[in-house]
Amino acid sequence: MRANVGDQLVTHGRIVGQQDRIAEIVEVLGPEGTPPYRVRFADGRETVMSPGPDTVVRRQGHA
């Protein structure tokens, strides 16, 4: 997985009815765009993530 600052990480819900979680990448901590990433959620929380297989990158500028 490779991502840039401003991209979003979309983690898909694991059970029926669970919504996707979306976080914006604010810092790339790995070499050449690889994890881990410092991310910010819509409610302002920040954390460091090393995304699993249920997460995809939504490139900056895409809906």
N, C-alpha and C. Protein backbone atom coordinates (compact mmCIF):
# COMPACT_ATOMS: atom_id res chain seq x y z
N MET A 1 0.85 -1.17 0.00
CA MET A 1 0.00 0.00 0.00
C MET A 1 0.89 1.23 0.00
N ARG A 2 0.53 2.18 -0.86
CA ARG A 2 1.24 3.46 -0.92
C ARG A 2 0.22 4.58 -0.92
N ALA A 3 0.53 5.64 -0.19
CA ALA A 3 -0.40 6.78 -0.10
C ALA A 3 0.40 8.05 0.12
N ASN A 4 -0.28 9.18 -0.04
CA ASN A 4 0.32 10.49 0.14
C ASN A 4 -0.50 11.31 1.13
N VAL A 5 0.12 12.34 1.67
CA VAL A 5 -0.60 13.27 2.53
C VAL A 5 -1.79 13.82 1.75
N GLY A 6 -2.95 13.86 2.40
CA GLY A 6 -4.17 14.33 1.75
C GLY A 6 -5.05 13.21 1.23
N ASP A 7 -4.47 12.03 0.98
CA ASP A 7 -5.28 10.87 0.60
C ASP A 7 -6.12 10.44 1.80
N GLN A 8 -7.11 9.62 1.54
CA GLN A 8 -7.95 9.09 2.61
C GLN A 8 -7.77 7.59 2.71
N LEU A 9 -7.86 7.08 3.94
CA LEU A 9 -7.91 5.65 4.18
C LEU A 9 -9.36 5.31 4.48
N VAL A 10 -9.91 4.37 3.73
CA VAL A 10 -11.29 3.93 3.92
C VAL A 10 -11.23 2.50 4.44
N THR A 11 -11.65 2.33 5.70
CA THR A 11 -11.68 1.01 6.31
C THR A 11 -13.12 0.53 6.28
N HIS A 12 -13.35 -0.55 5.55
CA HIS A 12 -14.70 -1.08 5.36
C HIS A 12 -15.20 -1.75 6.63
N GLY A 13 -16.51 -1.59 6.90
CA GLY A 13 -17.13 -2.25 8.04
C GLY A 13 -17.00 -3.75 7.92
N ARG A 14 -16.84 -4.41 9.05
CA ARG A 14 -16.63 -5.86 9.03
C ARG A 14 -17.90 -6.66 9.23
N ILE A 15 -18.95 -5.99 9.71
CA ILE A 15 -20.21 -6.70 9.92
C ILE A 15 -21.34 -5.93 9.23
N VAL A 16 -22.44 -6.59 8.97
CA VAL A 16 -23.58 -5.98 8.30
C VAL A 16 -24.06 -4.79 9.13
N GLY A 17 -24.25 -3.65 8.47
CA GLY A 17 -24.73 -2.46 9.13
C GLY A 17 -23.65 -1.55 9.68
N GLN A 18 -22.42 -2.04 9.74
CA GLN A 18 -21.31 -1.21 10.25
C GLN A 18 -20.82 -0.33 9.10
N GLN A 19 -20.74 0.98 9.35
CA GLN A 19 -20.32 1.90 8.32
C GLN A 19 -18.81 1.91 8.14
N ASP A 20 -18.39 2.34 6.95
CA ASP A 20 -16.96 2.51 6.69
C ASP A 20 -16.42 3.64 7.56
N ARG A 21 -15.15 3.53 7.94
CA ARG A 21 -14.47 4.61 8.66
C ARG A 21 -13.52 5.28 7.68
N ILE A 22 -13.56 6.60 7.64
CA ILE A 22 -12.72 7.35 6.70
C ILE A 22 -11.81 8.28 7.50
N ALA A 23 -10.53 8.24 7.17
CA ALA A 23 -9.55 9.09 7.84
C ALA A 23 -8.64 9.73 6.79
N GLU A 24 -8.29 10.98 7.00
CA GLU A 24 -7.38 11.67 6.09
C GLU A 24 -5.94 11.49 6.57
N ILE A 25 -5.05 11.20 5.64
CA ILE A 25 -3.64 11.04 5.98
C ILE A 25 -3.02 12.42 6.15
N VAL A 26 -2.45 12.66 7.33
CA VAL A 26 -1.82 13.95 7.60
C VAL A 26 -0.29 13.84 7.62
N GLU A 27 0.23 12.61 7.72
CA GLU A 27 1.68 12.40 7.68
C GLU A 27 1.96 10.97 7.28
N VAL A 28 2.91 10.79 6.38
CA VAL A 28 3.36 9.46 5.97
C VAL A 28 4.64 9.17 6.74
N LEU A 29 4.63 8.11 7.54
CA LEU A 29 5.76 7.79 8.41
C LEU A 29 6.68 6.73 7.82
N GLY A 30 6.21 5.99 6.83
CA GLY A 30 7.02 4.95 6.21
C GLY A 30 7.76 5.48 5.00
N PRO A 31 8.74 4.72 4.51
CA PRO A 31 9.49 5.16 3.33
C PRO A 31 8.66 5.05 2.05
N GLU A 32 8.79 6.03 1.18
CA GLU A 32 8.17 6.02 -0.15
C GLU A 32 6.66 5.79 -0.13
N GLY A 33 5.96 6.41 0.83
CA GLY A 33 4.51 6.34 0.86
C GLY A 33 3.92 5.12 1.51
N THR A 34 4.73 4.31 2.16
CA THR A 34 4.24 3.09 2.79
C THR A 34 3.85 3.35 4.25
N PRO A 35 3.05 2.46 4.85
CA PRO A 35 2.65 2.63 6.25
C PRO A 35 3.86 2.60 7.18
N PRO A 36 3.66 3.12 8.38
CA PRO A 36 2.43 3.62 8.99
C PRO A 36 2.13 5.06 8.57
N TYR A 37 0.86 5.45 8.84
CA TYR A 37 0.38 6.79 8.52
C TYR A 37 -0.21 7.44 9.76
N ARG A 38 0.03 8.73 9.92
CA ARG A 38 -0.69 9.50 10.93
C ARG A 38 -1.95 9.99 10.24
N VAL A 39 -3.12 9.71 10.83
CA VAL A 39 -4.39 10.04 10.20
C VAL A 39 -5.26 10.86 11.14
N ARG A 40 -6.21 11.60 10.52
CA ARG A 40 -7.18 12.40 11.28
C ARG A 40 -8.59 12.01 10.82
N PHE A 41 -9.43 11.69 11.80
CA PHE A 41 -10.83 11.38 11.53
C PHE A 41 -11.65 12.67 11.53
N ALA A 42 -12.88 12.60 11.03
CA ALA A 42 -13.75 13.78 10.90
C ALA A 42 -14.01 14.46 12.24
N ASP A 43 -13.98 13.69 13.34
CA ASP A 43 -14.25 14.28 14.65
C ASP A 43 -13.00 14.92 15.27
N GLY A 44 -11.88 14.93 14.52
CA GLY A 44 -10.65 15.57 14.98
C GLY A 44 -9.66 14.64 15.65
N ARG A 45 -10.06 13.42 15.95
CA ARG A 45 -9.12 12.46 16.56
C ARG A 45 -8.01 12.14 15.59
N GLU A 46 -6.79 11.99 16.12
CA GLU A 46 -5.65 11.57 15.31
C GLU A 46 -5.05 10.31 15.91
N THR A 47 -4.52 9.47 15.04
CA THR A 47 -3.86 8.25 15.48
C THR A 47 -2.87 7.82 14.41
N VAL A 48 -2.03 6.85 14.73
CA VAL A 48 -1.11 6.26 13.76
C VAL A 48 -1.69 4.91 13.35
N MET A 49 -1.78 4.67 12.04
CA MET A 49 -2.37 3.44 11.51
C MET A 49 -1.41 2.71 10.59
N SER A 50 -1.41 1.40 10.71
CA SER A 50 -0.82 0.51 9.71
C SER A 50 -1.99 -0.31 9.18
N PRO A 51 -2.60 0.14 8.07
CA PRO A 51 -3.85 -0.44 7.59
C PRO A 51 -3.74 -1.93 7.24
N GLY A 52 -4.86 -2.62 7.47
CA GLY A 52 -4.97 -4.03 7.14
C GLY A 52 -5.63 -4.24 5.78
N PRO A 53 -5.97 -5.48 5.44
CA PRO A 53 -6.52 -5.80 4.13
C PRO A 53 -7.93 -5.26 3.90
N ASP A 54 -8.60 -4.80 4.95
CA ASP A 54 -9.95 -4.25 4.80
C ASP A 54 -9.93 -2.74 4.55
N THR A 55 -8.76 -2.18 4.30
CA THR A 55 -8.60 -0.74 4.08
C THR A 55 -8.08 -0.47 2.68
N VAL A 56 -8.64 0.57 2.05
CA VAL A 56 -8.20 0.99 0.71
C VAL A 56 -7.84 2.47 0.77
N VAL A 57 -7.01 2.89 -0.19
CA VAL A 57 -6.62 4.30 -0.31
C VAL A 57 -7.53 4.98 -1.31
N ARG A 58 -8.10 6.10 -0.91
CA ARG A 58 -8.86 6.95 -1.83
C ARG A 58 -7.96 8.16 -2.10
N ARG A 59 -7.53 8.27 -3.33
CA ARG A 59 -6.59 9.32 -3.71
C ARG A 59 -7.19 10.71 -3.55
N GLN A 60 -6.36 11.66 -3.20
CA GLN A 60 -6.78 13.04 -3.04
C GLN A 60 -7.45 13.53 -4.31
N GLY A 61 -8.60 14.21 -4.15
CA GLY A 61 -9.31 14.75 -5.30
C GLY A 61 -10.37 13.84 -5.89
N HIS A 62 -10.52 12.62 -5.37
CA HIS A 62 -11.56 11.70 -5.86
C HIS A 62 -12.70 11.67 -4.87
N ALA A 63 -13.91 11.52 -5.38
CA ALA A 63 -15.09 11.45 -4.51
C ALA A 63 -15.25 10.08 -3.90
